[in-house]
Amino acid sequence: MIDNDTIHSRPRLLLLVVLSSVEECNFKFLKSKLEFTDGVLSVHLTKLEEAGYIKTVKSFLNKRPNTVYSLTRSGQLDFLEYIEEMESLFDIAKNALL
């Protein structure tokens, strides 16, 4: 079982869902998709980067700062394991309720 606390936070979970659906994306894309403030988005991206789940690449695009994010391989594997754990828990709950 992985440490769910890093992933389980709703903003980080949503970030991982979006990042798992693209090869890479920039801050502006994430902000528009998730409708987070700059501060909230930045804090949760930092947490995911510190955990080794995402990779951050800073550069310039047309003389403007551009930060691109992508899932690391370990981020992909841990997120997949998290999803499988949640599916298992939901199956137990669903079967108990039926």
PDB file of N, CA and C in Angstrom:
ATOM      1  N   MET A   1       0.846  -1.188   0.000  1.00  0.00           N
ATOM      2  CA  MET A   1       0.000   0.000   0.000  1.00  0.00           C
ATOM      3  C   MET A   1       0.889   1.247   0.000  1.00  0.00           C
ATOM      4  N   ILE A   2       0.589   2.189  -0.884  1.00  0.00           N
ATOM      5  CA  ILE A   2       1.374   3.413  -0.970  1.00  0.00           C
ATOM      6  C   ILE A   2       0.858   4.445   0.019  1.00  0.00           C
ATOM      7  N   ASP A   3       1.657   5.477   0.243  1.00  0.00           N
ATOM      8  CA  ASP A   3       1.253   6.593   1.110  1.00  0.00           C
ATOM      9  C   ASP A   3       0.221   7.416   0.345  1.00  0.00           C
ATOM     10  N   ASN A   4      -1.039   7.244   0.707  1.00  0.00           N
ATOM     11  CA  ASN A   4      -2.128   7.903  -0.008  1.00  0.00           C
ATOM     12  C   ASN A   4      -2.251   9.384   0.283  1.00  0.00           C
ATOM     13  N   ASP A   5      -1.677   9.872   1.374  1.00  0.00           N
ATOM     14  CA  ASP A   5      -1.907  11.252   1.787  1.00  0.00           C
ATOM     15  C   ASP A   5      -1.478  12.268   0.732  1.00  0.00           C
ATOM     16  N   THR A   6      -0.393  12.011   0.044  1.00  0.00           N
ATOM     17  CA  THR A   6       0.064  12.953  -0.981  1.00  0.00           C
ATOM     18  C   THR A   6      -0.916  12.995  -2.143  1.00  0.00           C
ATOM     19  N   ILE A   7      -1.389  11.873  -2.571  1.00  0.00           N
ATOM     20  CA  ILE A   7      -2.299  11.799  -3.712  1.00  0.00           C
ATOM     21  C   ILE A   7      -3.731  12.128  -3.318  1.00  0.00           C
ATOM     22  N   HIS A   8      -4.148  11.723  -2.132  1.00  0.00           N
ATOM     23  CA  HIS A   8      -5.557  11.754  -1.751  1.00  0.00           C
ATOM     24  C   HIS A   8      -6.151  13.156  -1.613  1.00  0.00           C
ATOM     25  N   SER A   9      -5.321  14.161  -1.421  1.00  0.00           N
ATOM     26  CA  SER A   9      -5.812  15.533  -1.378  1.00  0.00           C
ATOM     27  C   SER A   9      -6.535  15.834  -2.689  1.00  0.00           C
ATOM     28  N   ARG A  10      -7.741  16.361  -2.603  1.00  0.00           N
ATOM     29  CA  ARG A  10      -8.556  16.581  -3.801  1.00  0.00           C
ATOM     30  C   ARG A  10      -7.823  17.382  -4.883  1.00  0.00           C
ATOM     31  N   PRO A  11      -7.186  18.518  -4.562  1.00  0.00           N
ATOM     32  CA  PRO A  11      -6.492  19.250  -5.630  1.00  0.00           C
ATOM     33  C   PRO A  11      -5.377  18.435  -6.278  1.00  0.00           C
ATOM     34  N   ARG A  12      -4.621  17.676  -5.488  1.00  0.00           N
ATOM     35  CA  ARG A  12      -3.534  16.873  -6.065  1.00  0.00           C
ATOM     36  C   ARG A  12      -4.086  15.707  -6.869  1.00  0.00           C
ATOM     37  N   LEU A  13      -5.167  15.125  -6.405  1.00  0.00           N
ATOM     38  CA  LEU A  13      -5.807  14.046  -7.162  1.00  0.00           C
ATOM     39  C   LEU A  13      -6.270  14.562  -8.523  1.00  0.00           C
ATOM     40  N   LEU A  14      -6.904  15.725  -8.536  1.00  0.00           N
ATOM     41  CA  LEU A  14      -7.353  16.311  -9.799  1.00  0.00           C
ATOM     42  C   LEU A  14      -6.174  16.640 -10.709  1.00  0.00           C
ATOM     43  N   LEU A  15      -5.099  17.155 -10.138  1.00  0.00           N
ATOM     44  CA  LEU A  15      -3.902  17.430 -10.931  1.00  0.00           C
ATOM     45  C   LEU A  15      -3.360  16.154 -11.572  1.00  0.00           C
ATOM     46  N   LEU A  16      -3.307  15.077 -10.801  1.00  0.00           N
ATOM     47  CA  LEU A  16      -2.806  13.815 -11.347  1.00  0.00           C
ATOM     48  C   LEU A  16      -3.721  13.269 -12.434  1.00  0.00           C
ATOM     49  N   VAL A  17      -5.015  13.452 -12.284  1.00  0.00           N
ATOM     50  CA  VAL A  17      -5.948  13.007 -13.324  1.00  0.00           C
ATOM     51  C   VAL A  17      -5.669  13.760 -14.622  1.00  0.00           C
ATOM     52  N   VAL A  18      -5.545  15.084 -14.537  1.00  0.00           N
ATOM     53  CA  VAL A  18      -5.279  15.875 -15.739  1.00  0.00           C
ATOM     54  C   VAL A  18      -3.919  15.506 -16.330  1.00  0.00           C
ATOM     55  N   LEU A  19      -2.892  15.427 -15.490  1.00  0.00           N
ATOM     56  CA  LEU A  19      -1.548  15.122 -15.989  1.00  0.00           C
ATOM     57  C   LEU A  19      -1.450  13.714 -16.574  1.00  0.00           C
ATOM     58  N   SER A  20      -2.283  12.799 -16.097  1.00  0.00           N
ATOM     59  CA  SER A  20      -2.256  11.445 -16.652  1.00  0.00           C
ATOM     60  C   SER A  20      -2.900  11.387 -18.037  1.00  0.00           C
ATOM     61  N   SER A  21      -3.654  12.414 -18.381  1.00  0.00           N
ATOM     62  CA  SER A  21      -4.350  12.414 -19.665  1.00  0.00           C
ATOM     63  C   SER A  21      -3.584  13.137 -20.773  1.00  0.00           C
ATOM     64  N   VAL A  22      -2.448  13.732 -20.422  1.00  0.00           N
ATOM     65  CA  VAL A  22      -1.629  14.446 -21.406  1.00  0.00           C
ATOM     66  C   VAL A  22      -0.166  14.024 -21.244  1.00  0.00           C
ATOM     67  N   GLU A  23       0.610  14.208 -22.282  1.00  0.00           N
ATOM     68  CA  GLU A  23       2.037  13.903 -22.182  1.00  0.00           C
ATOM     69  C   GLU A  23       2.733  14.949 -21.318  1.00  0.00           C
ATOM     70  N   GLU A  24       2.362  16.218 -21.535  1.00  0.00           N
ATOM     71  CA  GLU A  24       2.862  17.321 -20.738  1.00  0.00           C
ATOM     72  C   GLU A  24       1.939  18.510 -20.955  1.00  0.00           C
ATOM     73  N   CYS A  25       1.996  19.466 -20.034  1.00  0.00           N
ATOM     74  CA  CYS A  25       1.187  20.671 -20.177  1.00  0.00           C
ATOM     75  C   CYS A  25       1.802  21.786 -19.347  1.00  0.00           C
ATOM     76  N   ASN A  26       1.373  23.006 -19.627  1.00  0.00           N
ATOM     77  CA  ASN A  26       1.928  24.134 -18.891  1.00  0.00           C
ATOM     78  C   ASN A  26       0.978  24.620 -17.792  1.00  0.00           C
ATOM     79  N   PHE A  27       1.480  25.545 -17.005  1.00  0.00           N
ATOM     80  CA  PHE A  27       0.747  26.081 -15.862  1.00  0.00           C
ATOM     81  C   PHE A  27      -0.600  26.662 -16.297  1.00  0.00           C
ATOM     82  N   LYS A  28      -0.584  27.417 -17.386  1.00  0.00           N
ATOM     83  CA  LYS A  28      -1.807  28.066 -17.878  1.00  0.00           C
ATOM     84  C   LYS A  28      -2.880  27.027 -18.225  1.00  0.00           C
ATOM     85  N   PHE A  29      -2.473  25.933 -18.859  1.00  0.00           N
ATOM     86  CA  PHE A  29      -3.404  24.864 -19.211  1.00  0.00           C
ATOM     87  C   PHE A  29      -4.029  24.265 -17.948  1.00  0.00           C
ATOM     88  N   LEU A  30      -3.182  23.940 -16.958  1.00  0.00           N
ATOM     89  CA  LEU A  30      -3.686  23.365 -15.706  1.00  0.00           C
ATOM     90  C   LEU A  30      -4.634  24.327 -15.002  1.00  0.00           C
ATOM     91  N   LYS A  31      -4.253  25.577 -14.972  1.00  0.00           N
ATOM     92  CA  LYS A  31      -5.090  26.585 -14.310  1.00  0.00           C
ATOM     93  C   LYS A  31      -6.464  26.688 -14.976  1.00  0.00           C
ATOM     94  N   SER A  32      -6.487  26.660 -16.307  1.00  0.00           N
ATOM     95  CA  SER A  32      -7.765  26.769 -17.016  1.00  0.00           C
ATOM     96  C   SER A  32      -8.616  25.512 -16.844  1.00  0.00           C
ATOM     97  N   LYS A  33      -7.986  24.346 -16.855  1.00  0.00           N
ATOM     98  CA  LYS A  33      -8.731  23.091 -16.712  1.00  0.00           C
ATOM     99  C   LYS A  33      -9.312  22.924 -15.316  1.00  0.00           C
ATOM    100  N   LEU A  34      -8.532  23.288 -14.296  1.00  0.00           N
ATOM    101  CA  LEU A  34      -8.927  23.017 -12.919  1.00  0.00           C
ATOM    102  C   LEU A  34      -9.550  24.213 -12.218  1.00  0.00           C
ATOM    103  N   GLU A  35      -9.388  25.403 -12.811  1.00  0.00           N
ATOM    104  CA  GLU A  35      -9.927  26.632 -12.238  1.00  0.00           C
ATOM    105  C   GLU A  35      -9.419  26.879 -10.817  1.00  0.00           C
ATOM    106  N   PHE A  36      -8.131  26.590 -10.591  1.00  0.00           N
ATOM    107  CA  PHE A  36      -7.468  26.877  -9.323  1.00  0.00           C
ATOM    108  C   PHE A  36      -6.842  28.263  -9.405  1.00  0.00           C
ATOM    109  N   THR A  37      -6.655  28.893  -8.254  1.00  0.00           N
ATOM    110  CA  THR A  37      -5.888  30.140  -8.227  1.00  0.00           C
ATOM    111  C   THR A  37      -4.417  29.798  -8.454  1.00  0.00           C
ATOM    112  N   ASP A  38      -3.632  30.795  -8.808  1.00  0.00           N
ATOM    113  CA  ASP A  38      -2.201  30.578  -9.003  1.00  0.00           C
ATOM    114  C   ASP A  38      -1.563  29.984  -7.758  1.00  0.00           C
ATOM    115  N   GLY A  39      -1.927  30.528  -6.584  1.00  0.00           N
ATOM    116  CA  GLY A  39      -1.342  30.072  -5.329  1.00  0.00           C
ATOM    117  C   GLY A  39      -1.666  28.623  -5.011  1.00  0.00           C
ATOM    118  N   VAL A  40      -2.921  28.252  -5.140  1.00  0.00           N
ATOM    119  CA  VAL A  40      -3.345  26.876  -4.860  1.00  0.00           C
ATOM    120  C   VAL A  40      -2.664  25.915  -5.821  1.00  0.00           C
ATOM    121  N   LEU A  41      -2.658  26.266  -7.097  1.00  0.00           N
ATOM    122  CA  LEU A  41      -2.036  25.407  -8.094  1.00  0.00           C
ATOM    123  C   LEU A  41      -0.543  25.237  -7.824  1.00  0.00           C
ATOM    124  N   SER A  42       0.119  26.321  -7.527  1.00  0.00           N
ATOM    125  CA  SER A  42       1.553  26.289  -7.262  1.00  0.00           C
ATOM    126  C   SER A  42       1.899  25.428  -6.049  1.00  0.00           C
ATOM    127  N   VAL A  43       1.142  25.574  -4.966  1.00  0.00           N
ATOM    128  CA  VAL A  43       1.394  24.802  -3.739  1.00  0.00           C
ATOM    129  C   VAL A  43       1.262  23.307  -4.009  1.00  0.00           C
ATOM    130  N   HIS A  44       0.220  22.908  -4.715  1.00  0.00           N
ATOM    131  CA  HIS A  44      -0.019  21.484  -4.933  1.00  0.00           C
ATOM    132  C   HIS A  44       0.930  20.897  -5.980  1.00  0.00           C
ATOM    133  N   LEU A  45       1.312  21.681  -6.965  1.00  0.00           N
ATOM    134  CA  LEU A  45       2.330  21.214  -7.908  1.00  0.00           C
ATOM    135  C   LEU A  45       3.660  20.990  -7.192  1.00  0.00           C
ATOM    136  N   THR A  46       3.994  21.887  -6.283  1.00  0.00           N
ATOM    137  CA  THR A  46       5.231  21.734  -5.510  1.00  0.00           C
ATOM    138  C   THR A  46       5.202  20.462  -4.677  1.00  0.00           C
ATOM    139  N   LYS A  47       4.086  20.179  -4.028  1.00  0.00           N
ATOM    140  CA  LYS A  47       3.946  18.954  -3.224  1.00  0.00           C
ATOM    141  C   LYS A  47       4.153  17.707  -4.090  1.00  0.00           C
ATOM    142  N   LEU A  48       3.557  17.706  -5.266  1.00  0.00           N
ATOM    143  CA  LEU A  48       3.690  16.560  -6.165  1.00  0.00           C
ATOM    144  C   LEU A  48       5.116  16.433  -6.687  1.00  0.00           C
ATOM    145  N   GLU A  49       5.754  17.565  -6.943  1.00  0.00           N
ATOM    146  CA  GLU A  49       7.146  17.525  -7.401  1.00  0.00           C
ATOM    147  C   GLU A  49       8.063  17.012  -6.290  1.00  0.00           C
ATOM    148  N   GLU A  50       7.853  17.481  -5.057  1.00  0.00           N
ATOM    149  CA  GLU A  50       8.659  17.021  -3.923  1.00  0.00           C
ATOM    150  C   GLU A  50       8.504  15.524  -3.689  1.00  0.00           C
ATOM    151  N   ALA A  51       7.324  14.998  -3.978  1.00  0.00           N
ATOM    152  CA  ALA A  51       7.066  13.566  -3.817  1.00  0.00           C
ATOM    153  C   ALA A  51       7.652  12.746  -4.978  1.00  0.00           C
ATOM    154  N   GLY A  52       8.127  13.437  -6.009  1.00  0.00           N
ATOM    155  CA  GLY A  52       8.685  12.742  -7.163  1.00  0.00           C
ATOM    156  C   GLY A  52       7.644  12.288  -8.166  1.00  0.00           C
ATOM    157  N   TYR A  53       6.420  12.783  -8.044  1.00  0.00           N
ATOM    158  CA  TYR A  53       5.346  12.363  -8.936  1.00  0.00           C
ATOM    159  C   TYR A  53       5.316  13.130 -10.250  1.00  0.00           C
ATOM    160  N   ILE A  54       5.814  14.367 -10.231  1.00  0.00           N
ATOM    161  CA  ILE A  54       5.822  15.150 -11.463  1.00  0.00           C
ATOM    162  C   ILE A  54       7.198  15.740 -11.718  1.00  0.00           C
ATOM    163  N   LYS A  55       7.431  16.030 -12.975  1.00  0.00           N
ATOM    164  CA  LYS A  55       8.665  16.674 -13.424  1.00  0.00           C
ATOM    165  C   LYS A  55       8.294  18.079 -13.893  1.00  0.00           C
ATOM    166  N   THR A  56       9.115  19.047 -13.519  1.00  0.00           N
ATOM    167  CA  THR A  56       8.890  20.440 -13.894  1.00  0.00           C
ATOM    168  C   THR A  56      10.053  20.914 -14.758  1.00  0.00           C
ATOM    169  N   VAL A  57       9.723  21.522 -15.899  1.00  0.00           N
ATOM    170  CA  VAL A  57      10.747  22.077 -16.781  1.00  0.00           C
ATOM    171  C   VAL A  57      10.397  23.541 -17.035  1.00  0.00           C
ATOM    172  N   LYS A  58      11.310  24.422 -16.635  1.00  0.00           N
ATOM    173  CA  LYS A  58      11.095  25.851 -16.829  1.00  0.00           C
ATOM    174  C   LYS A  58      11.897  26.318 -18.037  1.00  0.00           C
ATOM    175  N   SER A  59      11.254  27.141 -18.875  1.00  0.00           N
ATOM    176  CA  SER A  59      11.903  27.676 -20.059  1.00  0.00           C
ATOM    177  C   SER A  59      11.230  29.001 -20.418  1.00  0.00           C
ATOM    178  N   PHE A  60      11.587  29.517 -21.581  1.00  0.00           N
ATOM    179  CA  PHE A  60      10.946  30.723 -22.092  1.00  0.00           C
ATOM    180  C   PHE A  60      10.318  30.412 -23.435  1.00  0.00           C
ATOM    181  N   LEU A  61       9.135  30.966 -23.647  1.00  0.00           N
ATOM    182  CA  LEU A  61       8.415  30.815 -24.902  1.00  0.00           C
ATOM    183  C   LEU A  61       8.031  32.213 -25.348  1.00  0.00           C
ATOM    184  N   ASN A  62       8.561  32.650 -26.489  1.00  0.00           N
ATOM    185  CA  ASN A  62       8.337  34.023 -26.955  1.00  0.00           C
ATOM    186  C   ASN A  62       8.710  35.041 -25.887  1.00  0.00           C
ATOM    187  N   LYS A  63       9.853  34.827 -25.264  1.00  0.00           N
ATOM    188  CA  LYS A  63      10.412  35.710 -24.232  1.00  0.00           C
ATOM    189  C   LYS A  63       9.583  35.762 -22.946  1.00  0.00           C
ATOM    190  N   ARG A  64       8.678  34.808 -22.771  1.00  0.00           N
ATOM    191  CA  ARG A  64       7.871  34.742 -21.555  1.00  0.00           C
ATOM    192  C   ARG A  64       8.168  33.430 -20.844  1.00  0.00           C
ATOM    193  N   PRO A  65       8.150  33.459 -19.513  1.00  0.00           N
ATOM    194  CA  PRO A  65       8.375  32.212 -18.767  1.00  0.00           C
ATOM    195  C   PRO A  65       7.313  31.174 -19.101  1.00  0.00           C
ATOM    196  N   ASN A  66       7.739  29.943 -19.254  1.00  0.00           N
ATOM    197  CA  ASN A  66       6.821  28.842 -19.549  1.00  0.00           C
ATOM    198  C   ASN A  66       7.265  27.631 -18.723  1.00  0.00           C
ATOM    199  N   THR A  67       6.396  27.174 -17.852  1.00  0.00           N
ATOM    200  CA  THR A  67       6.701  26.009 -17.023  1.00  0.00           C
ATOM    201  C   THR A  67       5.834  24.851 -17.481  1.00  0.00           C
ATOM    202  N   VAL A  68       6.490  23.734 -17.782  1.00  0.00           N
ATOM    203  CA  VAL A  68       5.800  22.553 -18.304  1.00  0.00           C
ATOM    204  C   VAL A  68       5.893  21.436 -17.272  1.00  0.00           C
ATOM    205  N   TYR A  69       4.795  20.725 -17.093  1.00  0.00           N
ATOM    206  CA  TYR A  69       4.698  19.650 -16.110  1.00  0.00           C
ATOM    207  C   TYR A  69       4.354  18.343 -16.808  1.00  0.00           C
ATOM    208  N   SER A  70       4.889  17.264 -16.267  1.00  0.00           N
ATOM    209  CA  SER A  70       4.544  15.927 -16.748  1.00  0.00           C
ATOM    210  C   SER A  70       4.690  14.941 -15.591  1.00  0.00           C
ATOM    211  N   LEU A  71       3.987  13.820 -15.708  1.00  0.00           N
ATOM    212  CA  LEU A  71       4.108  12.771 -14.705  1.00  0.00           C
ATOM    213  C   LEU A  71       5.432  12.043 -14.880  1.00  0.00           C
ATOM    214  N   THR A  72       6.085  11.737 -13.783  1.00  0.00           N
ATOM    215  CA  THR A  72       7.275  10.889 -13.842  1.00  0.00           C
ATOM    216  C   THR A  72       6.813   9.440 -13.937  1.00  0.00           C
ATOM    217  N   ARG A  73       7.726   8.552 -14.243  1.00  0.00           N
ATOM    218  CA  ARG A  73       7.367   7.125 -14.295  1.00  0.00           C
ATOM    219  C   ARG A  73       6.888   6.653 -12.925  1.00  0.00           C
ATOM    220  N   SER A  74       7.588   7.070 -11.865  1.00  0.00           N
ATOM    221  CA  SER A  74       7.149   6.659 -10.525  1.00  0.00           C
ATOM    222  C   SER A  74       5.805   7.295 -10.183  1.00  0.00           C
ATOM    223  N   GLY A  75       5.566   8.497 -10.679  1.00  0.00           N
ATOM    224  CA  GLY A  75       4.262   9.129 -10.473  1.00  0.00           C
ATOM    225  C   GLY A  75       3.155   8.342 -11.154  1.00  0.00           C
ATOM    226  N   GLN A  76       3.432   7.880 -12.365  1.00  0.00           N
ATOM    227  CA  GLN A  76       2.452   7.069 -13.096  1.00  0.00           C
ATOM    228  C   GLN A  76       2.151   5.779 -12.342  1.00  0.00           C
ATOM    229  N   LEU A  77       3.209   5.113 -11.899  1.00  0.00           N
ATOM    230  CA  LEU A  77       3.043   3.819 -11.219  1.00  0.00           C
ATOM    231  C   LEU A  77       2.328   3.969  -9.878  1.00  0.00           C
ATOM    232  N   ASP A  78       2.710   4.976  -9.097  1.00  0.00           N
ATOM    233  CA  ASP A  78       2.064   5.193  -7.798  1.00  0.00           C
ATOM    234  C   ASP A  78       0.610   5.615  -7.968  1.00  0.00           C
ATOM    235  N   PHE A  79       0.333   6.445  -8.986  1.00  0.00           N
ATOM    236  CA  PHE A  79      -1.043   6.866  -9.221  1.00  0.00           C
ATOM    237  C   PHE A  79      -1.893   5.673  -9.652  1.00  0.00           C
ATOM    238  N   LEU A  80      -1.344   4.823 -10.503  1.00  0.00           N
ATOM    239  CA  LEU A  80      -2.060   3.616 -10.919  1.00  0.00           C
ATOM    240  C   LEU A  80      -2.329   2.710  -9.717  1.00  0.00           C
ATOM    241  N   GLU A  81      -1.347   2.554  -8.839  1.00  0.00           N
ATOM    242  CA  GLU A  81      -1.535   1.747  -7.634  1.00  0.00           C
ATOM    243  C   GLU A  81      -2.614   2.356  -6.730  1.00  0.00           C
ATOM    244  N   TYR A  82      -2.612   3.680  -6.618  1.00  0.00           N
ATOM    245  CA  TYR A  82      -3.626   4.382  -5.829  1.00  0.00           C
ATOM    246  C   TYR A  82      -5.019   4.110  -6.408  1.00  0.00           C
ATOM    247  N   ILE A  83      -5.148   4.214  -7.722  1.00  0.00           N
ATOM    248  CA  ILE A  83      -6.433   3.968  -8.382  1.00  0.00           C
ATOM    249  C   ILE A  83      -6.899   2.546  -8.103  1.00  0.00           C
ATOM    250  N   GLU A  84      -6.006   1.583  -8.216  1.00  0.00           N
ATOM    251  CA  GLU A  84      -6.359   0.189  -7.966  1.00  0.00           C
ATOM    252  C   GLU A  84      -6.782  -0.027  -6.516  1.00  0.00           C
ATOM    253  N   GLU A  85      -6.099   0.619  -5.576  1.00  0.00           N
ATOM    254  CA  GLU A  85      -6.479   0.520  -4.159  1.00  0.00           C
ATOM    255  C   GLU A  85      -7.871   1.102  -3.929  1.00  0.00           C
ATOM    256  N   MET A  86      -8.144   2.260  -4.536  1.00  0.00           N
ATOM    257  CA  MET A  86      -9.455   2.891  -4.362  1.00  0.00           C
ATOM    258  C   MET A  86     -10.548   2.029  -4.993  1.00  0.00           C
ATOM    259  N   GLU A  87     -10.273   1.462  -6.173  1.00  0.00           N
ATOM    260  CA  GLU A  87     -11.250   0.589  -6.816  1.00  0.00           C
ATOM    261  C   GLU A  87     -11.572  -0.606  -5.920  1.00  0.00           C
ATOM    262  N   SER A  88     -10.554  -1.167  -5.295  1.00  0.00           N
ATOM    263  CA  SER A  88     -10.746  -2.300  -4.399  1.00  0.00           C
ATOM    264  C   SER A  88     -11.615  -1.913  -3.199  1.00  0.00           C
ATOM    265  N   LEU A  89     -11.312  -0.756  -2.620  1.00  0.00           N
ATOM    266  CA  LEU A  89     -12.111  -0.278  -1.480  1.00  0.00           C
ATOM    267  C   LEU A  89     -13.558  -0.003  -1.891  1.00  0.00           C
ATOM    268  N   PHE A  90     -13.742   0.600  -3.062  1.00  0.00           N
ATOM    269  CA  PHE A  90     -15.095   0.882  -3.542  1.00  0.00           C
ATOM    270  C   PHE A  90     -15.858  -0.409  -3.819  1.00  0.00           C
ATOM    271  N   ASP A  91     -15.188  -1.426  -4.331  1.00  0.00           N
ATOM    272  CA  ASP A  91     -15.835  -2.718  -4.566  1.00  0.00           C
ATOM    273  C   ASP A  91     -16.315  -3.329  -3.259  1.00  0.00           C
ATOM    274  N   ILE A  92     -15.486  -3.249  -2.219  1.00  0.00           N
ATOM    275  CA  ILE A  92     -15.884  -3.768  -0.899  1.00  0.00           C
ATOM    276  C   ILE A  92     -17.123  -3.027  -0.400  1.00  0.00           C
ATOM    277  N   ALA A  93     -17.094  -1.714  -0.494  1.00  0.00           N
ATOM    278  CA  ALA A  93     -18.239  -0.921  -0.021  1.00  0.00           C
ATOM    279  C   ALA A  93     -19.491  -1.199  -0.850  1.00  0.00           C
ATOM    280  N   LYS A  94     -19.319  -1.292  -2.162  1.00  0.00           N
ATOM    281  CA  LYS A  94     -20.464  -1.545  -3.036  1.00  0.00           C
ATOM    282  C   LYS A  94     -21.087  -2.907  -2.723  1.00  0.00           C
ATOM    283  N   ASN A  95     -20.242  -3.928  -2.551  1.00  0.00           N
ATOM    284  CA  ASN A  95     -20.755  -5.257  -2.241  1.00  0.00           C
ATOM    285  C   ASN A  95     -21.444  -5.296  -0.875  1.00  0.00           C
ATOM    286  N   ALA A  96     -20.946  -4.524   0.080  1.00  0.00           N
ATOM    287  CA  ALA A  96     -21.565  -4.476   1.407  1.00  0.00           C
ATOM    288  C   ALA A  96     -22.923  -3.805   1.357  1.00  0.00           C
ATOM    289  N   LEU A  97     -23.109  -2.882   0.420  1.00  0.00           N
ATOM    290  CA  LEU A  97     -24.372  -2.137   0.330  1.00  0.00           C
ATOM    291  C   LEU A  97     -25.431  -2.856  -0.503  1.00  0.00           C
ATOM    292  N   LEU A  98     -25.009  -3.812  -1.297  1.00  0.00           N
ATOM    293  CA  LEU A  98     -25.973  -4.518  -2.173  1.00  0.00           C
ATOM    294  C   LEU A  98     -26.702  -5.613  -1.445  1.00  0.00           C
TER     295      LEU A  98
END
